[in-house]
C-alpha cells in the first residue's frame, strides 16, 4: 500500500502541518509532515468528510 501524501490545506505557518493522501479508494491517510516516518492515521472517506465539515 503506497500513499501519495500532499500537504493539507489545514496546515498553517505555525508549524502545525499535516499531510493527506487520498489516492486509495475509500481511505484518507493523515500524517505529521514533521515526522514522515511516523504513524499514519487511516480514515474512511466518510470520517474524513465529517472531520473536515466540523472544522
PDB file of N, CA and C in Angstrom:
ATOM      1  N   UNK A   1       0.856  -1.171   0.000  1.00  0.00           N
ATOM      2  CA  UNK A   1       0.000   0.000   0.000  1.00  0.00           C
ATOM      3  C   UNK A   1       0.904   1.237   0.000  1.00  0.00           C
ATOM      4  N   UNK A   2       0.788   2.051  -1.013  1.00  0.00           N
ATOM      5  CA  UNK A   2       1.608   3.246  -1.152  1.00  0.00           C
ATOM      6  C   UNK A   2       0.725   4.487  -1.124  1.00  0.00           C
ATOM      7  N   UNK A   3       0.927   5.328  -0.140  1.00  0.00           N
ATOM      8  CA  UNK A   3       0.183   6.579  -0.066  1.00  0.00           C
ATOM      9  C   UNK A   3       0.976   7.686  -0.755  1.00  0.00           C
ATOM     10  N   UNK A   4       0.285   8.538  -1.486  1.00  0.00           N
ATOM     11  CA  UNK A   4       0.891   9.711  -2.114  1.00  0.00           C
ATOM     12  C   UNK A   4       0.462  10.935  -1.310  1.00  0.00           C
ATOM     13  N   UNK A   5       1.313  11.348  -0.367  1.00  0.00           N
ATOM     14  CA  UNK A   5       0.974  12.440   0.540  1.00  0.00           C
ATOM     15  C   UNK A   5       1.204  13.811  -0.086  1.00  0.00           C
ATOM     16  N   UNK A   6       0.314  14.736   0.257  1.00  0.00           N
ATOM     17  CA  UNK A   6       0.463  16.151  -0.090  1.00  0.00           C
ATOM     18  C   UNK A   6       0.131  16.957   1.164  1.00  0.00           C
ATOM     19  N   UNK A   7       0.695  18.147   1.261  1.00  0.00           N
ATOM     20  CA  UNK A   7       0.417  18.988   2.426  1.00  0.00           C
ATOM     21  C   UNK A   7      -1.040  19.415   2.401  1.00  0.00           C
ATOM     22  N   UNK A   8      -1.696  19.264   3.517  1.00  0.00           N
ATOM     23  CA  UNK A   8      -3.105  19.602   3.638  1.00  0.00           C
ATOM     24  C   UNK A   8      -3.313  21.113   3.660  1.00  0.00           C
ATOM     25  N   UNK A   9      -4.452  21.543   3.175  1.00  0.00           N
ATOM     26  CA  UNK A   9      -4.813  22.956   3.265  1.00  0.00           C
ATOM     27  C   UNK A   9      -5.132  23.344   4.698  1.00  0.00           C
ATOM     28  N   UNK A  10      -5.239  22.365   5.592  1.00  0.00           N
ATOM     29  CA  UNK A  10      -5.472  22.641   7.007  1.00  0.00           C
ATOM     30  C   UNK A  10      -4.166  22.951   7.752  1.00  0.00           C
ATOM     31  N   UNK A  11      -3.031  22.821   7.088  1.00  0.00           N
ATOM     32  CA  UNK A  11      -1.754  23.148   7.700  1.00  0.00           C
ATOM     33  C   UNK A  11      -1.637  24.656   7.844  1.00  0.00           C
ATOM     34  N   UNK A  12      -0.791  25.075   8.792  1.00  0.00           N
ATOM     35  CA  UNK A  12      -0.587  26.510   8.963  1.00  0.00           C
ATOM     36  C   UNK A  12       0.896  26.839   9.069  1.00  0.00           C
ATOM     37  N   UNK A  13       1.215  28.110   9.125  1.00  0.00           N
ATOM     38  CA  UNK A  13       2.609  28.546   9.153  1.00  0.00           C
ATOM     39  C   UNK A  13       3.232  28.445  10.537  1.00  0.00           C
ATOM     40  N   UNK A  14       2.461  28.089  11.551  1.00  0.00           N
ATOM     41  CA  UNK A  14       2.978  27.963  12.919  1.00  0.00           C
ATOM     42  C   UNK A  14       3.613  26.595  13.174  1.00  0.00           C
ATOM     43  N   UNK A  15       3.815  25.812  12.140  1.00  0.00           N
ATOM     44  CA  UNK A  15       4.439  24.512  12.297  1.00  0.00           C
ATOM     45  C   UNK A  15       3.482  23.370  12.541  1.00  0.00           C
ATOM     46  N   UNK A  16       2.200  23.650  12.557  1.00  0.00           N
ATOM     47  CA  UNK A  16       1.195  22.600  12.711  1.00  0.00           C
ATOM     48  C   UNK A  16       0.807  22.123  11.320  1.00  0.00           C
ATOM     49  N   UNK A  17       1.555  21.157  10.829  1.00  0.00           N
ATOM     50  CA  UNK A  17       1.383  20.724   9.444  1.00  0.00           C
ATOM     51  C   UNK A  17       1.018  19.253   9.367  1.00  0.00           C
ATOM     52  N   UNK A  18       0.065  18.965   8.531  1.00  0.00           N
ATOM     53  CA  UNK A  18      -0.300  17.581   8.257  1.00  0.00           C
ATOM     54  C   UNK A  18      -0.246  17.349   6.760  1.00  0.00           C
ATOM     55  N   UNK A  19      -0.021  16.103   6.414  1.00  0.00           N
ATOM     56  CA  UNK A  19      -0.063  15.685   5.022  1.00  0.00           C
ATOM     57  C   UNK A  19      -1.194  14.682   4.878  1.00  0.00           C
ATOM     58  N   UNK A  20      -1.846  14.737   3.731  1.00  0.00           N
ATOM     59  CA  UNK A  20      -3.007  13.891   3.486  1.00  0.00           C
ATOM     60  C   UNK A  20      -2.798  13.136   2.177  1.00  0.00           C
ATOM     61  N   UNK A  21      -3.178  11.872   2.167  1.00  0.00           N
ATOM     62  CA  UNK A  21      -3.141  11.057   0.952  1.00  0.00           C
ATOM     63  C   UNK A  21      -4.554  10.559   0.672  1.00  0.00           C
ATOM     64  N   UNK A  22      -5.007  10.789  -0.546  1.00  0.00           N
ATOM     65  CA  UNK A  22      -6.356  10.355  -0.955  1.00  0.00           C
ATOM     66  C   UNK A  22      -6.318   9.457  -2.184  1.00  0.00           C
ATOM     67  N   UNK A  23      -5.172   8.870  -2.462  1.00  0.00           N
ATOM     68  CA  UNK A  23      -5.018   8.122  -3.703  1.00  0.00           C
ATOM     69  C   UNK A  23      -5.556   6.693  -3.646  1.00  0.00           C
ATOM     70  N   UNK A  24      -5.948   6.204  -2.468  1.00  0.00           N
ATOM     71  CA  UNK A  24      -6.517   4.860  -2.380  1.00  0.00           C
ATOM     72  C   UNK A  24      -8.013   4.952  -2.134  1.00  0.00           C
ATOM     73  N   UNK A  25      -8.811   4.280  -2.930  1.00  0.00           N
ATOM     74  CA  UNK A  25     -10.268   4.383  -2.807  1.00  0.00           C
ATOM     75  C   UNK A  25     -10.777   4.056  -1.405  1.00  0.00           C
ATOM     76  N   UNK A  26     -11.632   4.936  -0.880  1.00  0.00           N
ATOM     77  CA  UNK A  26     -12.272   4.706   0.397  1.00  0.00           C
ATOM     78  C   UNK A  26     -11.422   5.012   1.612  1.00  0.00           C
ATOM     79  N   UNK A  27     -10.179   5.449   1.418  1.00  0.00           N
ATOM     80  CA  UNK A  27      -9.264   5.706   2.525  1.00  0.00           C
ATOM     81  C   UNK A  27      -8.629   7.075   2.393  1.00  0.00           C
ATOM     82  N   UNK A  28      -8.532   7.779   3.524  1.00  0.00           N
ATOM     83  CA  UNK A  28      -7.764   9.018   3.595  1.00  0.00           C
ATOM     84  C   UNK A  28      -6.716   8.791   4.677  1.00  0.00           C
ATOM     85  N   UNK A  29      -5.449   8.962   4.317  1.00  0.00           N
ATOM     86  CA  UNK A  29      -4.349   8.782   5.264  1.00  0.00           C
ATOM     87  C   UNK A  29      -3.833  10.153   5.677  1.00  0.00           C
ATOM     88  N   UNK A  30      -3.511  10.295   6.960  1.00  0.00           N
ATOM     89  CA  UNK A  30      -3.043  11.567   7.504  1.00  0.00           C
ATOM     90  C   UNK A  30      -1.782  11.299   8.319  1.00  0.00           C
ATOM     91  N   UNK A  31      -0.782  12.177   8.154  1.00  0.00           N
ATOM     92  CA  UNK A  31       0.432  12.055   8.966  1.00  0.00           C
ATOM     93  C   UNK A  31       0.985  13.440   9.279  1.00  0.00           C
ATOM     94  N   UNK A  32       1.863  13.496  10.255  1.00  0.00           N
ATOM     95  CA  UNK A  32       2.542  14.722  10.642  1.00  0.00           C
ATOM     96  C   UNK A  32       3.668  14.960   9.640  1.00  0.00           C
ATOM     97  N   UNK A  33       3.664  16.120   8.986  1.00  0.00           N
ATOM     98  CA  UNK A  33       4.685  16.386   7.972  1.00  0.00           C
ATOM     99  C   UNK A  33       6.081  16.496   8.579  1.00  0.00           C
ATOM    100  N   UNK A  34       6.173  16.765   9.879  1.00  0.00           N
ATOM    101  CA  UNK A  34       7.476  16.854  10.527  1.00  0.00           C
ATOM    102  C   UNK A  34       8.031  15.477  10.882  1.00  0.00           C
ATOM    103  N   UNK A  35       7.206  14.443  10.769  1.00  0.00           N
ATOM    104  CA  UNK A  35       7.618  13.082  11.091  1.00  0.00           C
ATOM    105  C   UNK A  35       7.102  12.115  10.031  1.00  0.00           C
ATOM    106  N   UNK A  36       7.627  12.223   8.795  1.00  0.00           N
ATOM    107  CA  UNK A  36       7.084  11.404   7.701  1.00  0.00           C
ATOM    108  C   UNK A  36       7.260   9.900   7.897  1.00  0.00           C
ATOM    109  N   UNK A  37       8.168   9.488   8.751  1.00  0.00           N
ATOM    110  CA  UNK A  37       8.346   8.070   9.025  1.00  0.00           C
ATOM    111  C   UNK A  37       7.524   7.597  10.212  1.00  0.00           C
ATOM    112  N   UNK A  38       6.772   8.508  10.804  1.00  0.00           N
ATOM    113  CA  UNK A  38       5.980   8.196  11.988  1.00  0.00           C
ATOM    114  C   UNK A  38       4.664   7.533  11.647  1.00  0.00           C
ATOM    115  N   UNK A  39       3.779   7.503  12.623  1.00  0.00           N
ATOM    116  CA  UNK A  39       2.497   6.817  12.427  1.00  0.00           C
ATOM    117  C   UNK A  39       1.617   7.499  11.385  1.00  0.00           C
ATOM    118  N   UNK A  40       0.778   6.711  10.772  1.00  0.00           N
ATOM    119  CA  UNK A  40      -0.184   7.187   9.776  1.00  0.00           C
ATOM    120  C   UNK A  40      -1.579   6.866  10.281  1.00  0.00           C
ATOM    121  N   UNK A  41      -2.407   7.872  10.320  1.00  0.00           N
ATOM    122  CA  UNK A  41      -3.804   7.696  10.695  1.00  0.00           C
ATOM    123  C   UNK A  41      -4.593   7.414   9.424  1.00  0.00           C
ATOM    124  N   UNK A  42      -5.312   6.304   9.400  1.00  0.00           N
ATOM    125  CA  UNK A  42      -6.117   5.933   8.229  1.00  0.00           C
ATOM    126  C   UNK A  42      -7.584   6.108   8.566  1.00  0.00           C
ATOM    127  N   UNK A  43      -8.270   6.900   7.769  1.00  0.00           N
ATOM    128  CA  UNK A  43      -9.685   7.189   7.993  1.00  0.00           C
ATOM    129  C   UNK A  43     -10.482   6.774   6.767  1.00  0.00           C
ATOM    130  N   UNK A  44     -11.760   6.473   6.994  1.00  0.00           N
ATOM    131  CA  UNK A  44     -12.641   6.260   5.849  1.00  0.00           C
ATOM    132  C   UNK A  44     -12.900   7.619   5.206  1.00  0.00           C
ATOM    133  N   UNK A  45     -13.285   7.604   3.962  1.00  0.00           N
ATOM    134  CA  UNK A  45     -13.614   8.855   3.275  1.00  0.00           C
ATOM    135  C   UNK A  45     -14.735   9.589   4.000  1.00  0.00           C
ATOM    136  N   UNK A  46     -15.691   8.843   4.530  1.00  0.00           N
ATOM    137  CA  UNK A  46     -16.814   9.433   5.262  1.00  0.00           C
ATOM    138  C   UNK A  46     -16.335  10.109   6.540  1.00  0.00           C
ATOM    139  N   UNK A  47     -15.457   9.445   7.295  1.00  0.00           N
ATOM    140  CA  UNK A  47     -14.934  10.028   8.531  1.00  0.00           C
ATOM    141  C   UNK A  47     -14.144  11.299   8.239  1.00  0.00           C
ATOM    142  N   UNK A  48     -13.344  11.288   7.171  1.00  0.00           N
ATOM    143  CA  UNK A  48     -12.576  12.486   6.808  1.00  0.00           C
ATOM    144  C   UNK A  48     -13.517  13.632   6.435  1.00  0.00           C
ATOM    145  N   UNK A  49     -14.564  13.340   5.698  1.00  0.00           N
ATOM    146  CA  UNK A  49     -15.521  14.379   5.304  1.00  0.00           C
ATOM    147  C   UNK A  49     -16.201  14.989   6.534  1.00  0.00           C
ATOM    148  N   UNK A  50     -16.547  14.167   7.513  1.00  0.00           N
ATOM    149  CA  UNK A  50     -17.151  14.656   8.742  1.00  0.00           C
ATOM    150  C   UNK A  50     -16.173  15.533   9.520  1.00  0.00           C
ATOM    151  N   UNK A  51     -14.919  15.100   9.586  1.00  0.00           N
ATOM    152  CA  UNK A  51     -13.885  15.881  10.265  1.00  0.00           C
ATOM    153  C   UNK A  51     -13.729  17.245   9.582  1.00  0.00           C
ATOM    154  N   UNK A  52     -13.603  17.237   8.270  1.00  0.00           N
ATOM    155  CA  UNK A  52     -13.403  18.478   7.525  1.00  0.00           C
ATOM    156  C   UNK A  52     -14.603  19.415   7.674  1.00  0.00           C
ATOM    157  N   UNK A  53     -15.786  18.839   7.700  1.00  0.00           N
ATOM    158  CA  UNK A  53     -17.004  19.639   7.844  1.00  0.00           C
ATOM    159  C   UNK A  53     -17.065  20.276   9.235  1.00  0.00           C
ATOM    160  N   UNK A  54     -16.646  19.547  10.251  1.00  0.00           N
ATOM    161  CA  UNK A  54     -16.699  20.038  11.630  1.00  0.00           C
ATOM    162  C   UNK A  54     -15.624  21.077  11.924  1.00  0.00           C
ATOM    163  N   UNK A  55     -14.621  21.119  11.124  1.00  0.00           N
ATOM    164  CA  UNK A  55     -13.511  22.049  11.337  1.00  0.00           C
ATOM    165  C   UNK A  55     -14.033  23.420  11.187  1.00  0.00           C
TER     166      UNK A  55
END
